[in-house]
Amino acid sequence: MEKLSSNTKEILSWILTFALAIGAAFLIKNYLIINADVPTGSMENTIMPGDRLIGNRLAYKNDSPERGDVVIFHYPDDEEELYVKRVIGLPGEVVDIEDGKIYIDGSHTPLEETYLKEEWTVATGPYHFEIPEDAYLVMGDNRNDSWDARYWENTYVYKDKILGKGEVIYWPIQDFGKIK
């Protein structure tokens, strides 16, 4: 009888360990981090096709996305899909794109974009965006090959649809590192 009790205790110990591990994984995945993959070249050279990344779900809990942040969000035209793009325009701003240059709120100086893959030659403007409050204008870093706000039916990404800030590329291992 004692041996049965010892075996039962051991089994219950293992069940409890697995239950706690599954519960912890569920909480981390749903409340702390988001896992995303990038199947296309729209974010080259920042994120390459096939890269997998981790986003911080808590990054915008008390703060708002900033220009230049890489965000993971529900695609506005099909919320079942997750997209990864860079924040270009902030709530309430007016963004004009002319000849592949971005101008914010009527500035004569274009936005400096050191992260672009190459010279921007496709769909270079003119575009005019008046960003609603609580919404963001996002675009890919590979402007010549990015399905982004320039083409979407629902142009803007609202804050409540942003799931997290892209933080780290973890796969493939040779691409491991912080997202800039």
C-alpha atoms as a PDB file:
ATOM      1  CA  MET A   1       0.000   0.000   0.000  1.00  0.00           C
ATOM      2  CA  GLU A   2       2.845   2.374   0.830  1.00  0.00           C
ATOM      3  CA  LYS A   3       4.518   1.663  -2.542  1.00  0.00           C
ATOM      4  CA  LEU A   4       1.267   2.456  -4.374  1.00  0.00           C
ATOM      5  CA  SER A   5       1.000   5.673  -2.466  1.00  0.00           C
ATOM      6  CA  SER A   6       4.583   6.591  -3.384  1.00  0.00           C
ATOM      7  CA  ASN A   7       3.942   5.850  -7.093  1.00  0.00           C
ATOM      8  CA  THR A   8       0.712   7.834  -7.014  1.00  0.00           C
ATOM      9  CA  LYS A   9       2.529  10.774  -5.441  1.00  0.00           C
ATOM     10  CA  GLU A  10       5.212  10.620  -8.130  1.00  0.00           C
ATOM     11  CA  ILE A  11       2.614  10.558 -10.923  1.00  0.00           C
ATOM     12  CA  LEU A  12       0.698  13.442  -9.369  1.00  0.00           C
ATOM     13  CA  SER A  13       3.975  15.360  -9.043  1.00  0.00           C
ATOM     14  CA  TRP A  14       4.645  14.937 -12.776  1.00  0.00           C
ATOM     15  CA  ILE A  15       1.080  15.909 -13.708  1.00  0.00           C
ATOM     16  CA  LEU A  16       1.315  19.035 -11.560  1.00  0.00           C
ATOM     17  CA  THR A  17       4.694  19.962 -13.113  1.00  0.00           C
ATOM     18  CA  PHE A  18       3.304  19.596 -16.654  1.00  0.00           C
ATOM     19  CA  ALA A  19       0.157  21.548 -15.775  1.00  0.00           C
ATOM     20  CA  LEU A  20       2.211  24.407 -14.333  1.00  0.00           C
ATOM     21  CA  ALA A  21       4.511  24.443 -17.386  1.00  0.00           C
ATOM     22  CA  ILE A  22       1.531  24.526 -19.776  1.00  0.00           C
ATOM     23  CA  GLY A  23      -0.135  27.265 -17.725  1.00  0.00           C
ATOM     24  CA  ALA A  24       3.060  29.349 -17.677  1.00  0.00           C
ATOM     25  CA  ALA A  25       3.521  28.927 -21.434  1.00  0.00           C
ATOM     26  CA  PHE A  26      -0.095  29.982 -22.032  1.00  0.00           C
ATOM     27  CA  LEU A  27       0.297  33.117 -19.899  1.00  0.00           C
ATOM     28  CA  ILE A  28       3.618  34.091 -21.499  1.00  0.00           C
ATOM     29  CA  LYS A  29       2.341  33.553 -25.058  1.00  0.00           C
ATOM     30  CA  ASN A  30      -0.949  35.381 -24.570  1.00  0.00           C
ATOM     31  CA  TYR A  31       0.069  38.220 -22.260  1.00  0.00           C
ATOM     32  CA  LEU A  32       3.815  38.856 -22.508  1.00  0.00           C
ATOM     33  CA  ILE A  33       5.166  37.953 -25.940  1.00  0.00           C
ATOM     34  CA  ILE A  34       3.947  37.414 -29.457  1.00  0.00           C
ATOM     35  CA  ASN A  35       5.612  35.146 -31.964  1.00  0.00           C
ATOM     36  CA  ALA A  36       5.543  36.178 -35.631  1.00  0.00           C
ATOM     37  CA  ASP A  37       7.121  35.145 -38.882  1.00  0.00           C
ATOM     38  CA  VAL A  38       7.820  37.196 -41.972  1.00  0.00           C
ATOM     39  CA  PRO A  39       7.124  35.185 -45.123  1.00  0.00           C
ATOM     40  CA  THR A  40       7.938  37.953 -47.629  1.00  0.00           C
ATOM     41  CA  GLY A  41      10.699  40.431 -48.375  1.00  0.00           C
ATOM     42  CA  SER A  42       8.639  43.481 -47.364  1.00  0.00           C
ATOM     43  CA  MET A  43      10.861  44.263 -44.368  1.00  0.00           C
ATOM     44  CA  GLU A  44      14.264  43.528 -45.959  1.00  0.00           C
ATOM     45  CA  ASN A  45      17.001  44.176 -44.860  1.00  0.00           C
ATOM     46  CA  THR A  46      15.755  44.659 -41.289  1.00  0.00           C
ATOM     47  CA  ILE A  47      13.888  41.339 -41.250  1.00  0.00           C
ATOM     48  CA  MET A  48      14.537  38.764 -43.951  1.00  0.00           C
ATOM     49  CA  PRO A  49      11.996  36.350 -45.498  1.00  0.00           C
ATOM     50  CA  GLY A  50      11.588  33.330 -43.238  1.00  0.00           C
ATOM     51  CA  ASP A  51      12.803  35.112 -40.108  1.00  0.00           C
ATOM     52  CA  ARG A  52      10.878  34.454 -36.912  1.00  0.00           C
ATOM     53  CA  LEU A  53      10.653  37.126 -34.284  1.00  0.00           C
ATOM     54  CA  ILE A  54       9.413  37.790 -30.805  1.00  0.00           C
ATOM     55  CA  GLY A  55       7.391  40.864 -29.982  1.00  0.00           C
ATOM     56  CA  ASN A  56       6.740  42.457 -26.614  1.00  0.00           C
ATOM     57  CA  ARG A  57       2.983  42.560 -25.905  1.00  0.00           C
ATOM     58  CA  LEU A  58       3.523  44.936 -22.967  1.00  0.00           C
ATOM     59  CA  ALA A  59       5.523  47.549 -24.919  1.00  0.00           C
ATOM     60  CA  TYR A  60       2.460  49.720 -25.562  1.00  0.00           C
ATOM     61  CA  LYS A  61       0.521  49.008 -22.388  1.00  0.00           C
ATOM     62  CA  ASN A  62       1.451  52.416 -20.933  1.00  0.00           C
ATOM     63  CA  ASP A  63       3.196  53.959 -23.955  1.00  0.00           C
ATOM     64  CA  SER A  64       2.344  54.529 -27.581  1.00  0.00           C
ATOM     65  CA  PRO A  65       4.217  53.363 -30.659  1.00  0.00           C
ATOM     66  CA  GLU A  66       6.866  55.794 -31.844  1.00  0.00           C
ATOM     67  CA  ARG A  67       7.959  56.618 -35.358  1.00  0.00           C
ATOM     68  CA  GLY A  68      10.467  53.982 -36.427  1.00  0.00           C
ATOM     69  CA  ASP A  69       9.131  51.172 -34.212  1.00  0.00           C
ATOM     70  CA  VAL A  70       8.640  47.798 -35.854  1.00  0.00           C
ATOM     71  CA  VAL A  71       5.172  46.592 -34.850  1.00  0.00           C
ATOM     72  CA  ILE A  72       3.213  43.349 -35.096  1.00  0.00           C
ATOM     73  CA  PHE A  73      -0.480  43.928 -35.788  1.00  0.00           C
ATOM     74  CA  HIS A  74      -3.688  42.575 -37.255  1.00  0.00           C
ATOM     75  CA  TYR A  75      -3.726  43.427 -40.966  1.00  0.00           C
ATOM     76  CA  PRO A  76      -6.539  46.014 -41.363  1.00  0.00           C
ATOM     77  CA  ASP A  77      -8.047  44.363 -44.467  1.00  0.00           C
ATOM     78  CA  ASP A  78      -8.076  40.832 -42.961  1.00  0.00           C
ATOM     79  CA  GLU A  79      -7.674  40.715 -39.200  1.00  0.00           C
ATOM     80  CA  GLU A  80      -6.949  36.978 -39.295  1.00  0.00           C
ATOM     81  CA  GLU A  81      -3.501  37.811 -40.698  1.00  0.00           C
ATOM     82  CA  LEU A  82      -0.594  39.222 -38.708  1.00  0.00           C
ATOM     83  CA  TYR A  83       1.665  41.774 -40.357  1.00  0.00           C
ATOM     84  CA  VAL A  84       5.002  43.267 -39.372  1.00  0.00           C
ATOM     85  CA  LYS A  85       5.785  46.816 -40.552  1.00  0.00           C
ATOM     86  CA  ARG A  86       7.491  50.006 -39.417  1.00  0.00           C
ATOM     87  CA  VAL A  87       5.602  52.976 -37.937  1.00  0.00           C
ATOM     88  CA  ILE A  88       5.947  56.004 -40.234  1.00  0.00           C
ATOM     89  CA  GLY A  89       3.093  58.321 -39.240  1.00  0.00           C
ATOM     90  CA  LEU A  90       1.633  59.017 -35.805  1.00  0.00           C
ATOM     91  CA  PRO A  91      -1.926  59.869 -34.705  1.00  0.00           C
ATOM     92  CA  GLY A  92      -3.135  63.240 -35.976  1.00  0.00           C
ATOM     93  CA  GLU A  93      -0.231  63.776 -38.367  1.00  0.00           C
ATOM     94  CA  VAL A  94      -0.420  64.606 -42.046  1.00  0.00           C
ATOM     95  CA  VAL A  95       2.017  62.559 -44.128  1.00  0.00           C
ATOM     96  CA  ASP A  96       2.842  63.366 -47.736  1.00  0.00           C
ATOM     97  CA  ILE A  97       4.942  61.147 -49.965  1.00  0.00           C
ATOM     98  CA  GLU A  98       6.477  62.640 -53.091  1.00  0.00           C
ATOM     99  CA  ASP A  99       9.212  61.149 -55.258  1.00  0.00           C
ATOM    100  CA  GLY A 100       9.975  58.496 -52.633  1.00  0.00           C
ATOM    101  CA  LYS A 101      10.434  61.020 -49.827  1.00  0.00           C
ATOM    102  CA  ILE A 102       8.212  61.260 -46.740  1.00  0.00           C
ATOM    103  CA  TYR A 103       7.216  64.642 -45.341  1.00  0.00           C
ATOM    104  CA  ILE A 104       5.517  64.983 -41.943  1.00  0.00           C
ATOM    105  CA  ASP A 105       3.089  67.843 -41.189  1.00  0.00           C
ATOM    106  CA  GLY A 106       4.211  70.007 -44.107  1.00  0.00           C
ATOM    107  CA  SER A 107       7.923  69.848 -43.287  1.00  0.00           C
ATOM    108  CA  HIS A 108      10.276  70.701 -46.161  1.00  0.00           C
ATOM    109  CA  THR A 109      12.825  68.225 -44.818  1.00  0.00           C
ATOM    110  CA  PRO A 110      12.095  64.587 -45.644  1.00  0.00           C
ATOM    111  CA  LEU A 111      12.047  61.898 -42.983  1.00  0.00           C
ATOM    112  CA  GLU A 112      15.470  60.293 -42.605  1.00  0.00           C
ATOM    113  CA  GLU A 113      15.124  56.557 -43.260  1.00  0.00           C
ATOM    114  CA  THR A 114      18.445  54.791 -42.837  1.00  0.00           C
ATOM    115  CA  TYR A 115      16.706  51.392 -42.647  1.00  0.00           C
ATOM    116  CA  LEU A 116      15.488  51.309 -46.282  1.00  0.00           C
ATOM    117  CA  LYS A 117      16.788  48.365 -48.291  1.00  0.00           C
ATOM    118  CA  GLU A 118      17.532  50.289 -51.460  1.00  0.00           C
ATOM    119  CA  GLU A 119      16.564  53.355 -53.422  1.00  0.00           C
ATOM    120  CA  TRP A 120      12.784  53.654 -53.406  1.00  0.00           C
ATOM    121  CA  THR A 121      11.572  53.531 -57.033  1.00  0.00           C
ATOM    122  CA  VAL A 122       8.139  51.807 -56.955  1.00  0.00           C
ATOM    123  CA  ALA A 123       4.915  53.619 -55.907  1.00  0.00           C
ATOM    124  CA  THR A 124       6.858  56.705 -54.812  1.00  0.00           C
ATOM    125  CA  GLY A 125       3.871  59.054 -54.674  1.00  0.00           C
ATOM    126  CA  PRO A 126       2.278  61.408 -54.601  1.00  0.00           C
ATOM    127  CA  TYR A 127       0.331  60.160 -51.576  1.00  0.00           C
ATOM    128  CA  HIS A 128      -1.464  62.195 -48.930  1.00  0.00           C
ATOM    129  CA  PHE A 129      -2.421  60.667 -45.576  1.00  0.00           C
ATOM    130  CA  GLU A 130      -4.354  62.356 -42.789  1.00  0.00           C
ATOM    131  CA  ILE A 131      -3.908  59.951 -39.917  1.00  0.00           C
ATOM    132  CA  PRO A 132      -6.879  59.662 -37.548  1.00  0.00           C
ATOM    133  CA  GLU A 133      -6.434  59.892 -33.797  1.00  0.00           C
ATOM    134  CA  ASP A 134      -5.443  56.564 -32.254  1.00  0.00           C
ATOM    135  CA  ALA A 135      -4.170  55.275 -35.627  1.00  0.00           C
ATOM    136  CA  TYR A 136      -0.795  54.814 -37.296  1.00  0.00           C
ATOM    137  CA  LEU A 137       0.589  54.793 -40.822  1.00  0.00           C
ATOM    138  CA  VAL A 138       2.894  51.805 -41.341  1.00  0.00           C
ATOM    139  CA  MET A 139       5.085  50.753 -44.242  1.00  0.00           C
ATOM    140  CA  GLY A 140       7.638  48.068 -45.035  1.00  0.00           C
ATOM    141  CA  ASP A 141      11.361  48.803 -45.178  1.00  0.00           C
ATOM    142  CA  ASN A 142      11.586  47.339 -48.689  1.00  0.00           C
ATOM    143  CA  ARG A 143       9.318  49.960 -50.293  1.00  0.00           C
ATOM    144  CA  ASN A 144       9.811  48.513 -53.762  1.00  0.00           C
ATOM    145  CA  ASP A 145       8.296  45.192 -52.653  1.00  0.00           C
ATOM    146  CA  SER A 146       5.985  45.861 -49.704  1.00  0.00           C
ATOM    147  CA  TRP A 147       2.231  45.435 -49.479  1.00  0.00           C
ATOM    148  CA  ASP A 148       1.610  48.291 -47.051  1.00  0.00           C
ATOM    149  CA  ALA A 149      -0.621  51.300 -46.323  1.00  0.00           C
ATOM    150  CA  ARG A 150      -0.154  52.666 -49.839  1.00  0.00           C
ATOM    151  CA  TYR A 151      -2.259  49.790 -51.188  1.00  0.00           C
ATOM    152  CA  TRP A 152      -4.620  48.764 -48.397  1.00  0.00           C
ATOM    153  CA  GLU A 153      -8.343  49.439 -48.473  1.00  0.00           C
ATOM    154  CA  ASN A 154      -8.216  50.243 -44.736  1.00  0.00           C
ATOM    155  CA  THR A 155      -5.129  52.412 -44.733  1.00  0.00           C
ATOM    156  CA  TYR A 156      -4.421  52.861 -41.033  1.00  0.00           C
ATOM    157  CA  VAL A 157      -3.580  50.553 -38.143  1.00  0.00           C
ATOM    158  CA  TYR A 158      -5.444  51.463 -34.966  1.00  0.00           C
ATOM    159  CA  LYS A 159      -3.644  51.159 -31.644  1.00  0.00           C
ATOM    160  CA  ASP A 160      -5.980  48.449 -30.381  1.00  0.00           C
ATOM    161  CA  LYS A 161      -4.960  46.248 -33.345  1.00  0.00           C
ATOM    162  CA  ILE A 162      -1.240  46.494 -32.532  1.00  0.00           C
ATOM    163  CA  LEU A 163      -0.261  43.326 -30.684  1.00  0.00           C
ATOM    164  CA  GLY A 164       3.308  44.240 -29.784  1.00  0.00           C
ATOM    165  CA  LYS A 165       6.623  45.775 -30.633  1.00  0.00           C
ATOM    166  CA  GLY A 166       9.024  43.624 -32.631  1.00  0.00           C
ATOM    167  CA  GLU A 167      12.044  43.087 -30.391  1.00  0.00           C
ATOM    168  CA  VAL A 168      14.210  40.101 -31.350  1.00  0.00           C
ATOM    169  CA  ILE A 169      14.776  37.886 -34.383  1.00  0.00           C
ATOM    170  CA  TYR A 170      15.397  34.380 -33.046  1.00  0.00           C
ATOM    171  CA  TRP A 171      15.346  32.237 -36.202  1.00  0.00           C
ATOM    172  CA  PRO A 172      17.276  31.385 -38.262  1.00  0.00           C
ATOM    173  CA  ILE A 173      20.061  31.481 -35.714  1.00  0.00           C
ATOM    174  CA  GLN A 174      22.443  33.407 -38.005  1.00  0.00           C
ATOM    175  CA  ASP A 175      19.940  36.304 -38.022  1.00  0.00           C
ATOM    176  CA  PHE A 176      19.579  36.302 -34.222  1.00  0.00           C
ATOM    177  CA  GLY A 177      19.568  39.791 -32.767  1.00  0.00           C
ATOM    178  CA  LYS A 178      17.648  42.845 -31.672  1.00  0.00           C
ATOM    179  CA  ILE A 179      15.449  44.519 -34.288  1.00  0.00           C
ATOM    180  CA  LYS A 180      16.599  48.030 -35.130  1.00  0.00           C
END
